[in-house]
Amino acid sequence: MIKAIIFDVGGVLVRTEEPHFRKELEAELGLAPGEAEFLVFNSEQGLKAQRGEITTAELWSGIQDYFGFDPGQVEDFRHRFFAGDRLDRELVDFIRQLRGQCQTAIISNAADNLLDNVTRVYPMADAFELIVGSAYEKIMKPDPTIFLRTVERLNRQPRECLFIDDFLHNVEAAQAIGMQAIHFHPRIDLEKELYERLNASIE
């Protein structure tokens, strides 16, 4: 039986619906397609921020130094980089309705501004009983430790938890410790899938 549903944030609850902002930014700076995203998320500094080894402020200071930006320019870069990201409000409203049926939680590979993001920038924190961020834990998905810590804090067994992520390697990591999982993609009818999983687990 499913007792808890655990969501990723980036790529699931918040998605880049208008990628042209980043493409325009890359064109202006002479960057290759996808290079801006690499610098923010997957570069050495980006990964350090997600592991909590540097702060969000230090990450953006490094990007400022990389381009030789002044403070106004790095803030403009940051604003435009995230300008196309959108919270899936319908999905979050649906998750709020699940709170009476099962526990809901987040596991996100994110820098130390995750709590600010889910409370102020993309208001959704009230929909979740537990929010687990990699920078706070000093460990990132797909390491099994972050899944096991979350399951323990929910006071559940892995088999009672359903995890949703847009990266297949994270889905497979959750399944490897005994969790149920869904590989999210924009074409999936997630609400329908969750209803079916929840009903099947009750029968």
Protein backbone atom coordinates (compact mmCIF):
# COMPACT_ATOMS: atom_id res chain seq x y z
CA MET A 1 0.00 0.00 0.00
CA ILE A 2 1.25 3.49 -0.86
CA LYS A 3 1.55 5.54 2.33
CA ALA A 4 3.76 8.37 1.02
CA ILE A 5 4.35 10.06 -2.34
CA ILE A 6 7.67 11.85 -2.79
CA PHE A 7 8.25 14.39 -5.57
CA ASP A 8 11.27 15.88 -7.26
CA VAL A 9 11.03 19.65 -7.82
CA GLY A 10 12.98 20.72 -10.93
CA GLY A 11 11.58 19.03 -14.03
CA VAL A 12 8.45 17.83 -12.21
CA LEU A 13 6.82 20.49 -10.02
CA VAL A 14 8.74 23.35 -11.63
CA ARG A 15 9.55 23.05 -15.32
CA THR A 16 11.24 25.22 -17.94
CA GLU A 17 8.19 25.89 -20.11
CA GLU A 18 9.72 28.78 -22.06
CA PRO A 19 13.29 27.81 -22.96
CA HIS A 20 13.78 30.77 -25.31
CA PHE A 21 14.95 32.94 -22.39
CA ARG A 22 17.99 30.71 -21.85
CA LYS A 23 18.59 30.32 -25.57
CA GLU A 24 18.62 34.10 -26.04
CA LEU A 25 20.99 34.46 -23.10
CA GLU A 26 23.36 31.87 -24.53
CA ALA A 27 23.30 33.50 -27.96
CA GLU A 28 24.15 36.91 -26.51
CA LEU A 29 27.05 35.49 -24.48
CA GLY A 30 28.39 33.25 -27.24
CA LEU A 31 27.61 30.08 -25.30
CA ALA A 32 26.84 26.70 -26.82
CA PRO A 33 23.26 25.40 -26.49
CA GLY A 34 22.79 24.10 -22.95
CA GLU A 35 25.96 25.70 -21.65
CA ALA A 36 24.17 28.14 -19.34
CA GLU A 37 22.29 25.28 -17.70
CA PHE A 38 25.55 23.35 -17.36
CA LEU A 39 27.24 26.27 -15.61
CA VAL A 40 24.41 26.73 -13.11
CA PHE A 41 23.62 23.08 -12.36
CA ASN A 42 26.22 20.62 -13.62
CA SER A 43 29.56 22.41 -13.49
CA GLU A 44 31.90 21.72 -10.59
CA GLN A 45 30.54 24.79 -8.78
CA GLY A 46 26.95 23.89 -9.58
CA LEU A 47 27.38 20.42 -8.11
CA LYS A 48 29.17 21.81 -5.06
CA ALA A 49 26.20 24.09 -4.42
CA GLN A 50 23.81 21.14 -4.62
CA ARG A 51 25.99 19.18 -2.18
CA GLY A 52 26.03 22.10 0.23
CA GLU A 53 29.79 22.61 -0.15
CA ILE A 54 29.28 26.22 -1.24
CA THR A 55 26.36 28.60 -0.76
CA THR A 56 24.00 29.86 -3.42
CA ALA A 57 25.65 33.27 -3.08
CA GLU A 58 29.06 31.71 -3.72
CA LEU A 59 27.72 29.90 -6.80
CA TRP A 60 26.50 33.16 -8.34
CA SER A 61 29.66 34.97 -7.32
CA GLY A 62 31.58 32.33 -9.26
CA ILE A 63 29.39 32.85 -12.32
CA GLN A 64 29.93 36.59 -12.01
CA ASP A 65 33.70 36.04 -12.00
CA TYR A 66 33.49 33.56 -14.91
CA PHE A 67 31.90 36.15 -17.19
CA GLY A 68 33.48 39.24 -15.65
CA PHE A 69 30.03 40.60 -14.84
CA ASP A 70 29.31 43.53 -12.56
CA PRO A 71 26.62 42.93 -9.87
CA GLY A 72 23.82 44.20 -12.07
CA GLN A 73 24.84 41.95 -14.96
CA VAL A 74 24.97 38.77 -12.87
CA GLU A 75 21.54 39.57 -11.43
CA ASP A 76 20.21 40.06 -14.97
CA PHE A 77 21.74 36.70 -15.98
CA ARG A 78 20.11 35.01 -13.00
CA HIS A 79 16.71 36.58 -13.67
CA ARG A 80 16.71 35.66 -17.35
CA PHE A 81 18.02 32.15 -16.68
CA PHE A 82 14.98 31.32 -14.55
CA ALA A 83 12.47 33.51 -16.42
CA GLY A 84 10.99 30.57 -18.35
CA ASP A 85 10.46 28.33 -15.31
CA ARG A 86 6.87 27.73 -14.25
CA LEU A 87 5.28 26.08 -11.23
CA ASP A 88 2.72 23.43 -12.18
CA ARG A 89 -0.03 24.91 -10.02
CA GLU A 90 -2.63 22.33 -11.02
CA LEU A 91 -0.32 19.51 -9.97
CA VAL A 92 0.48 21.22 -6.66
CA ASP A 93 -3.24 21.76 -5.99
CA PHE A 94 -3.76 18.05 -6.66
CA ILE A 95 -0.96 17.21 -4.20
CA ARG A 96 -2.64 19.35 -1.55
CA GLN A 97 -5.73 17.17 -1.94
CA LEU A 98 -3.63 14.05 -1.32
CA ARG A 99 -2.61 15.16 2.16
CA GLY A 100 -5.61 13.39 3.72
CA GLN A 101 -4.91 10.14 1.88
CA CYS A 102 -1.15 9.81 2.24
CA GLN A 103 1.99 11.64 3.25
CA THR A 104 3.61 13.91 0.69
CA ALA A 105 7.26 14.93 0.55
CA ILE A 106 10.00 16.42 -1.62
CA ILE A 107 13.49 15.18 -2.41
CA SER A 108 15.36 17.74 -4.50
CA ASN A 109 18.91 18.10 -5.70
CA ALA A 110 19.11 21.81 -4.96
CA ALA A 111 21.29 24.53 -3.47
CA ASP A 112 20.69 26.02 -0.04
CA ASN A 113 17.92 28.30 -1.33
CA LEU A 114 15.48 25.40 -1.78
CA LEU A 115 13.27 26.35 1.17
CA ASP A 116 13.07 29.94 -0.04
CA ASN A 117 12.18 28.72 -3.52
CA VAL A 118 9.33 26.46 -2.37
CA THR A 119 7.90 29.01 0.08
CA ARG A 120 8.36 32.36 -1.69
CA VAL A 121 9.38 31.96 -5.35
CA TYR A 122 7.20 28.94 -6.16
CA PRO A 123 4.73 28.74 -3.25
CA MET A 124 4.06 25.07 -2.56
CA ALA A 125 5.69 24.17 0.77
CA ASP A 126 2.29 23.84 2.46
CA ALA A 127 1.51 20.86 0.19
CA PHE A 128 4.27 18.74 1.73
CA GLU A 129 4.84 17.19 5.12
CA LEU A 130 8.60 16.90 4.56
CA ILE A 131 11.09 18.75 2.34
CA VAL A 132 14.51 17.18 1.85
CA GLY A 133 17.18 19.10 -0.07
CA SER A 134 20.58 17.83 -1.12
CA ALA A 135 22.46 20.93 0.07
CA TYR A 136 21.03 20.50 3.56
CA GLU A 137 21.80 16.77 3.58
CA LYS A 138 25.24 17.18 1.94
CA ILE A 139 24.34 14.35 -0.42
CA MET A 140 22.60 14.15 -3.80
CA LYS A 141 20.33 11.77 -5.62
CA PRO A 142 20.92 9.10 -6.85
CA ASP A 143 22.86 8.21 -3.68
CA PRO A 144 20.58 5.81 -1.77
CA THR A 145 21.29 7.57 1.51
CA ILE A 146 19.08 10.55 0.69
CA PHE A 147 16.17 8.24 -0.14
CA LEU A 148 16.65 6.18 3.02
CA ARG A 149 16.81 9.29 5.22
CA THR A 150 13.56 10.55 3.72
CA VAL A 151 11.77 7.24 4.19
CA GLU A 152 12.98 7.08 7.80
CA ARG A 153 11.79 10.63 8.56
CA LEU A 154 8.39 9.74 7.16
CA ASN A 155 8.41 6.69 9.46
CA ARG A 156 7.73 4.43 6.48
CA GLN A 157 9.19 1.39 4.77
CA PRO A 158 10.59 1.89 1.24
CA ARG A 159 7.86 -0.31 -0.26
CA GLU A 160 5.24 2.08 1.14
CA CYS A 161 6.72 5.06 -0.73
CA LEU A 162 6.23 6.18 -4.32
CA PHE A 163 8.91 8.45 -5.79
CA ILE A 164 8.52 10.66 -8.89
CA ASP A 165 11.48 12.14 -10.80
CA ASP A 166 12.26 13.22 -14.34
CA PHE A 167 15.73 11.61 -14.34
CA LEU A 168 15.69 7.87 -14.95
CA HIS A 169 18.85 7.23 -12.89
CA ASN A 170 17.12 8.74 -9.84
CA VAL A 171 14.03 6.62 -10.46
CA GLU A 172 16.17 3.50 -10.71
CA ALA A 173 18.05 4.40 -7.52
CA ALA A 174 14.77 4.69 -5.62
CA GLN A 175 13.60 1.36 -7.00
CA ALA A 176 16.91 -0.24 -5.99
CA ILE A 177 16.14 0.35 -2.30
CA GLY A 178 12.61 -1.02 -2.68
CA MET A 179 10.60 2.12 -3.37
CA GLN A 180 7.93 2.31 -6.03
CA ALA A 181 8.71 4.95 -8.65
CA ILE A 182 7.40 6.82 -11.68
CA HIS A 183 9.64 8.29 -14.38
CA PHE A 184 8.08 11.68 -15.07
CA HIS A 185 7.92 13.23 -18.53
CA PRO A 186 5.76 16.13 -19.81
CA ARG A 187 3.39 13.81 -21.70
CA ILE A 188 2.46 11.70 -18.68
CA ASP A 189 -0.94 12.18 -17.07
CA LEU A 190 0.51 12.15 -13.58
CA GLU A 191 -2.74 12.75 -11.74
CA LYS A 192 -4.35 9.77 -13.49
CA GLU A 193 -1.28 7.63 -12.81
CA LEU A 194 -1.31 8.53 -9.12
CA TYR A 195 -5.03 7.87 -8.76
CA GLU A 196 -4.59 4.45 -10.35
CA ARG A 197 -1.58 3.61 -8.15
CA LEU A 198 -3.33 4.73 -4.98
CA ASN A 199 -6.53 2.83 -5.79
CA ALA A 200 -4.57 -0.30 -6.72
CA SER A 201 -2.68 -0.16 -3.43
CA ILE A 202 -5.94 -0.03 -1.46
CA GLU A 203 -7.57 -3.02 -3.18
